[in-house]
N, C-alpha and C. Protein backbone atom coordinates (compact mmCIF):
# COMPACT_ATOMS: atom_id res chain seq x y z
N MET A 1 -33.06 -42.30 64.21
CA MET A 1 -32.19 -41.49 65.04
C MET A 1 -32.89 -40.17 65.36
N ASP A 2 -32.89 -39.80 66.63
CA ASP A 2 -33.46 -38.54 67.04
C ASP A 2 -32.48 -37.41 66.76
N LYS A 3 -33.02 -36.29 66.35
CA LYS A 3 -32.19 -35.11 66.13
C LYS A 3 -31.91 -34.44 67.46
N THR A 4 -30.76 -33.77 67.56
CA THR A 4 -30.41 -33.00 68.74
C THR A 4 -31.10 -31.65 68.66
N ARG A 5 -31.87 -31.31 69.67
CA ARG A 5 -32.51 -29.97 69.72
C ARG A 5 -31.47 -28.99 70.24
N ILE A 6 -30.85 -28.28 69.33
CA ILE A 6 -29.74 -27.41 69.69
C ILE A 6 -30.10 -26.35 70.70
N ASN A 7 -31.36 -25.95 70.74
CA ASN A 7 -31.77 -24.88 71.65
C ASN A 7 -32.18 -25.36 73.03
N THR A 8 -32.20 -26.67 73.23
CA THR A 8 -32.49 -27.22 74.56
C THR A 8 -31.44 -28.23 75.00
N ALA A 9 -30.49 -28.55 74.14
CA ALA A 9 -29.47 -29.56 74.45
C ALA A 9 -28.59 -29.12 75.61
N ASN A 10 -28.22 -30.10 76.44
CA ASN A 10 -27.30 -29.79 77.54
C ASN A 10 -25.86 -29.76 76.99
N PRO A 11 -24.90 -29.31 77.80
CA PRO A 11 -23.53 -29.18 77.31
C PRO A 11 -22.95 -30.47 76.71
N GLN A 12 -23.25 -31.61 77.31
CA GLN A 12 -22.72 -32.88 76.78
C GLN A 12 -23.35 -33.21 75.43
N GLU A 13 -24.65 -32.99 75.30
CA GLU A 13 -25.33 -33.27 74.04
C GLU A 13 -24.79 -32.39 72.91
N LEU A 14 -24.45 -31.14 73.23
CA LEU A 14 -23.89 -30.25 72.21
C LEU A 14 -22.58 -30.79 71.67
N LEU A 15 -21.79 -31.44 72.52
CA LEU A 15 -20.50 -31.99 72.07
C LEU A 15 -20.67 -33.18 71.13
N GLU A 16 -21.86 -33.76 71.09
CA GLU A 16 -22.13 -34.89 70.20
C GLU A 16 -22.47 -34.44 68.78
N ILE A 17 -22.66 -33.14 68.58
CA ILE A 17 -22.95 -32.60 67.24
C ILE A 17 -21.65 -32.57 66.45
N PRO A 18 -21.66 -33.09 65.22
CA PRO A 18 -20.44 -33.07 64.40
C PRO A 18 -19.89 -31.66 64.24
N GLY A 19 -18.59 -31.51 64.51
CA GLY A 19 -17.93 -30.23 64.32
C GLY A 19 -18.01 -29.29 65.50
N VAL A 20 -18.67 -29.71 66.60
CA VAL A 20 -18.76 -28.86 67.78
C VAL A 20 -17.79 -29.36 68.84
N ASP A 21 -16.83 -28.51 69.18
CA ASP A 21 -15.87 -28.83 70.24
C ASP A 21 -16.23 -28.01 71.47
N THR A 22 -15.38 -28.02 72.49
CA THR A 22 -15.71 -27.31 73.73
C THR A 22 -15.84 -25.80 73.50
N THR A 23 -15.04 -25.24 72.62
CA THR A 23 -15.15 -23.81 72.31
C THR A 23 -16.49 -23.52 71.64
N GLY A 24 -16.88 -24.36 70.69
CA GLY A 24 -18.17 -24.20 70.03
C GLY A 24 -19.33 -24.39 70.98
N ARG A 25 -19.21 -25.38 71.86
CA ARG A 25 -20.25 -25.61 72.86
C ARG A 25 -20.45 -24.36 73.72
N ASP A 26 -19.34 -23.79 74.17
CA ASP A 26 -19.43 -22.59 75.01
C ASP A 26 -20.05 -21.42 74.25
N ALA A 27 -19.72 -21.31 72.96
CA ALA A 27 -20.29 -20.24 72.14
C ALA A 27 -21.80 -20.43 71.97
N ILE A 28 -22.23 -21.66 71.79
CA ILE A 28 -23.66 -21.96 71.65
C ILE A 28 -24.40 -21.61 72.95
N LEU A 29 -23.84 -22.06 74.07
CA LEU A 29 -24.48 -21.78 75.36
C LEU A 29 -24.56 -20.28 75.63
N ARG A 30 -23.50 -19.56 75.33
CA ARG A 30 -23.47 -18.11 75.53
C ARG A 30 -24.51 -17.43 74.63
N HIS A 31 -24.55 -17.85 73.36
CA HIS A 31 -25.51 -17.27 72.41
C HIS A 31 -26.94 -17.50 72.88
N ARG A 32 -27.24 -18.71 73.30
CA ARG A 32 -28.59 -19.01 73.76
C ARG A 32 -28.98 -18.15 74.95
N ALA A 33 -28.05 -17.96 75.87
CA ALA A 33 -28.33 -17.16 77.07
C ALA A 33 -28.50 -15.68 76.75
N GLU A 34 -27.70 -15.18 75.81
CA GLU A 34 -27.70 -13.74 75.53
C GLU A 34 -28.65 -13.32 74.41
N HIS A 35 -28.86 -14.20 73.43
CA HIS A 35 -29.60 -13.80 72.23
C HIS A 35 -30.79 -14.69 71.90
N GLY A 36 -30.96 -15.78 72.62
CA GLY A 36 -32.06 -16.67 72.32
C GLY A 36 -31.67 -17.79 71.39
N PRO A 37 -32.66 -18.42 70.76
CA PRO A 37 -32.42 -19.63 69.99
C PRO A 37 -31.59 -19.41 68.72
N ILE A 38 -30.91 -20.49 68.34
CA ILE A 38 -30.21 -20.55 67.06
C ILE A 38 -31.24 -21.05 66.06
N ARG A 39 -31.45 -20.32 64.98
CA ARG A 39 -32.57 -20.60 64.10
C ARG A 39 -32.26 -21.43 62.87
N SER A 40 -30.98 -21.57 62.53
CA SER A 40 -30.66 -22.29 61.28
C SER A 40 -29.23 -22.79 61.30
N ALA A 41 -28.93 -23.69 60.36
CA ALA A 41 -27.57 -24.20 60.20
C ALA A 41 -26.62 -23.07 59.81
N ALA A 42 -27.11 -22.14 59.00
CA ALA A 42 -26.27 -21.00 58.59
C ALA A 42 -25.91 -20.13 59.79
N GLU A 43 -26.87 -19.90 60.69
CA GLU A 43 -26.60 -19.12 61.89
C GLU A 43 -25.60 -19.85 62.78
N LEU A 44 -25.74 -21.17 62.90
CA LEU A 44 -24.79 -21.96 63.68
C LEU A 44 -23.39 -21.88 63.08
N ALA A 45 -23.30 -21.98 61.76
CA ALA A 45 -21.99 -21.89 61.10
C ALA A 45 -21.34 -20.55 61.38
N GLN A 46 -22.11 -19.47 61.31
CA GLN A 46 -21.58 -18.14 61.59
C GLN A 46 -21.11 -18.05 63.04
N LEU A 47 -21.90 -18.59 63.95
CA LEU A 47 -21.57 -18.58 65.37
C LEU A 47 -20.26 -19.33 65.64
N LEU A 48 -20.05 -20.42 64.92
CA LEU A 48 -18.86 -21.24 65.11
C LEU A 48 -17.67 -20.78 64.27
N GLY A 49 -17.86 -19.70 63.50
CA GLY A 49 -16.78 -19.17 62.69
C GLY A 49 -16.47 -20.00 61.47
N ARG A 50 -17.49 -20.63 60.92
CA ARG A 50 -17.33 -21.47 59.72
C ARG A 50 -17.84 -20.71 58.51
N SER A 51 -17.26 -21.00 57.36
CA SER A 51 -17.71 -20.33 56.15
C SER A 51 -19.03 -20.91 55.65
N GLN A 52 -19.32 -22.17 56.01
CA GLN A 52 -20.58 -22.77 55.60
C GLN A 52 -20.99 -23.84 56.61
N ALA A 53 -22.27 -24.18 56.60
CA ALA A 53 -22.79 -25.20 57.50
C ALA A 53 -22.36 -26.58 57.04
N GLN A 54 -22.21 -27.48 57.98
CA GLN A 54 -21.90 -28.86 57.64
C GLN A 54 -23.17 -29.54 57.16
N ALA A 55 -23.05 -30.36 56.14
CA ALA A 55 -24.21 -31.05 55.58
C ALA A 55 -24.92 -31.91 56.63
N ALA A 56 -24.17 -32.51 57.54
CA ALA A 56 -24.76 -33.39 58.56
C ALA A 56 -25.70 -32.64 59.49
N TRP A 57 -25.51 -31.34 59.65
CA TRP A 57 -26.35 -30.59 60.58
C TRP A 57 -27.81 -30.64 60.21
N THR A 58 -28.12 -30.64 58.94
CA THR A 58 -29.51 -30.68 58.49
C THR A 58 -30.18 -31.96 58.95
N ASP A 59 -29.43 -33.07 58.93
CA ASP A 59 -29.99 -34.36 59.33
C ASP A 59 -29.94 -34.60 60.83
N GLU A 60 -29.05 -33.93 61.54
CA GLU A 60 -28.81 -34.26 62.94
C GLU A 60 -29.26 -33.21 63.94
N ILE A 61 -29.61 -31.99 63.48
CA ILE A 61 -29.97 -30.93 64.41
C ILE A 61 -31.39 -30.45 64.15
N ASP A 62 -32.11 -30.30 65.24
CA ASP A 62 -33.45 -29.71 65.22
C ASP A 62 -33.29 -28.28 65.73
N PHE A 63 -33.64 -27.31 64.91
CA PHE A 63 -33.45 -25.90 65.25
C PHE A 63 -34.69 -25.25 65.88
N ARG A 64 -35.71 -26.05 66.24
CA ARG A 64 -36.87 -25.45 66.89
C ARG A 64 -36.42 -24.75 68.17
N PRO A 65 -36.97 -23.58 68.46
CA PRO A 65 -36.59 -22.88 69.69
C PRO A 65 -37.12 -23.62 70.92
N ALA A 66 -36.53 -23.30 72.05
CA ALA A 66 -37.01 -23.85 73.32
C ALA A 66 -38.40 -23.30 73.60
N ASP A 67 -39.17 -24.04 74.34
CA ASP A 67 -40.46 -23.50 74.79
C ASP A 67 -40.17 -22.30 75.67
N GLU A 68 -41.09 -21.34 75.68
CA GLU A 68 -40.88 -20.12 76.44
C GLU A 68 -40.67 -20.36 77.92
N THR A 69 -41.19 -21.47 78.43
CA THR A 69 -41.05 -21.76 79.85
C THR A 69 -39.87 -22.68 80.16
N ALA A 70 -39.16 -23.13 79.13
CA ALA A 70 -38.03 -24.03 79.35
C ALA A 70 -36.92 -23.30 80.10
N PRO A 71 -36.19 -24.01 80.96
CA PRO A 71 -35.10 -23.36 81.70
C PRO A 71 -34.05 -22.75 80.79
N GLU A 72 -33.93 -23.28 79.58
CA GLU A 72 -32.93 -22.78 78.64
C GLU A 72 -33.37 -21.51 77.93
N ALA A 73 -34.66 -21.17 78.05
CA ALA A 73 -35.17 -20.00 77.36
C ALA A 73 -34.68 -18.73 78.06
N PRO A 74 -34.23 -17.75 77.31
CA PRO A 74 -33.78 -16.50 77.92
C PRO A 74 -34.87 -15.88 78.77
N GLY A 75 -34.50 -15.44 79.94
CA GLY A 75 -35.45 -14.79 80.82
C GLY A 75 -36.29 -15.72 81.66
N ALA A 76 -36.11 -17.03 81.48
CA ALA A 76 -36.93 -17.98 82.24
C ALA A 76 -36.44 -18.08 83.67
């Protein structure tokens, strides 16, 4: 199974992440646009207003940042 690259995933792909609903998806997209990549499960948990990261995130999410030239990269 391929991991979801949270920093390049499109809105539909973000909804496939366990525990991410439309509100969370919008928060992720806003964060990426305003602050850049999400670097860890702990940062994602904080962004989504969770007290801790879900265990599945480690297995299902790739936190590598977008390439600097990717359309999702801030300032691109």
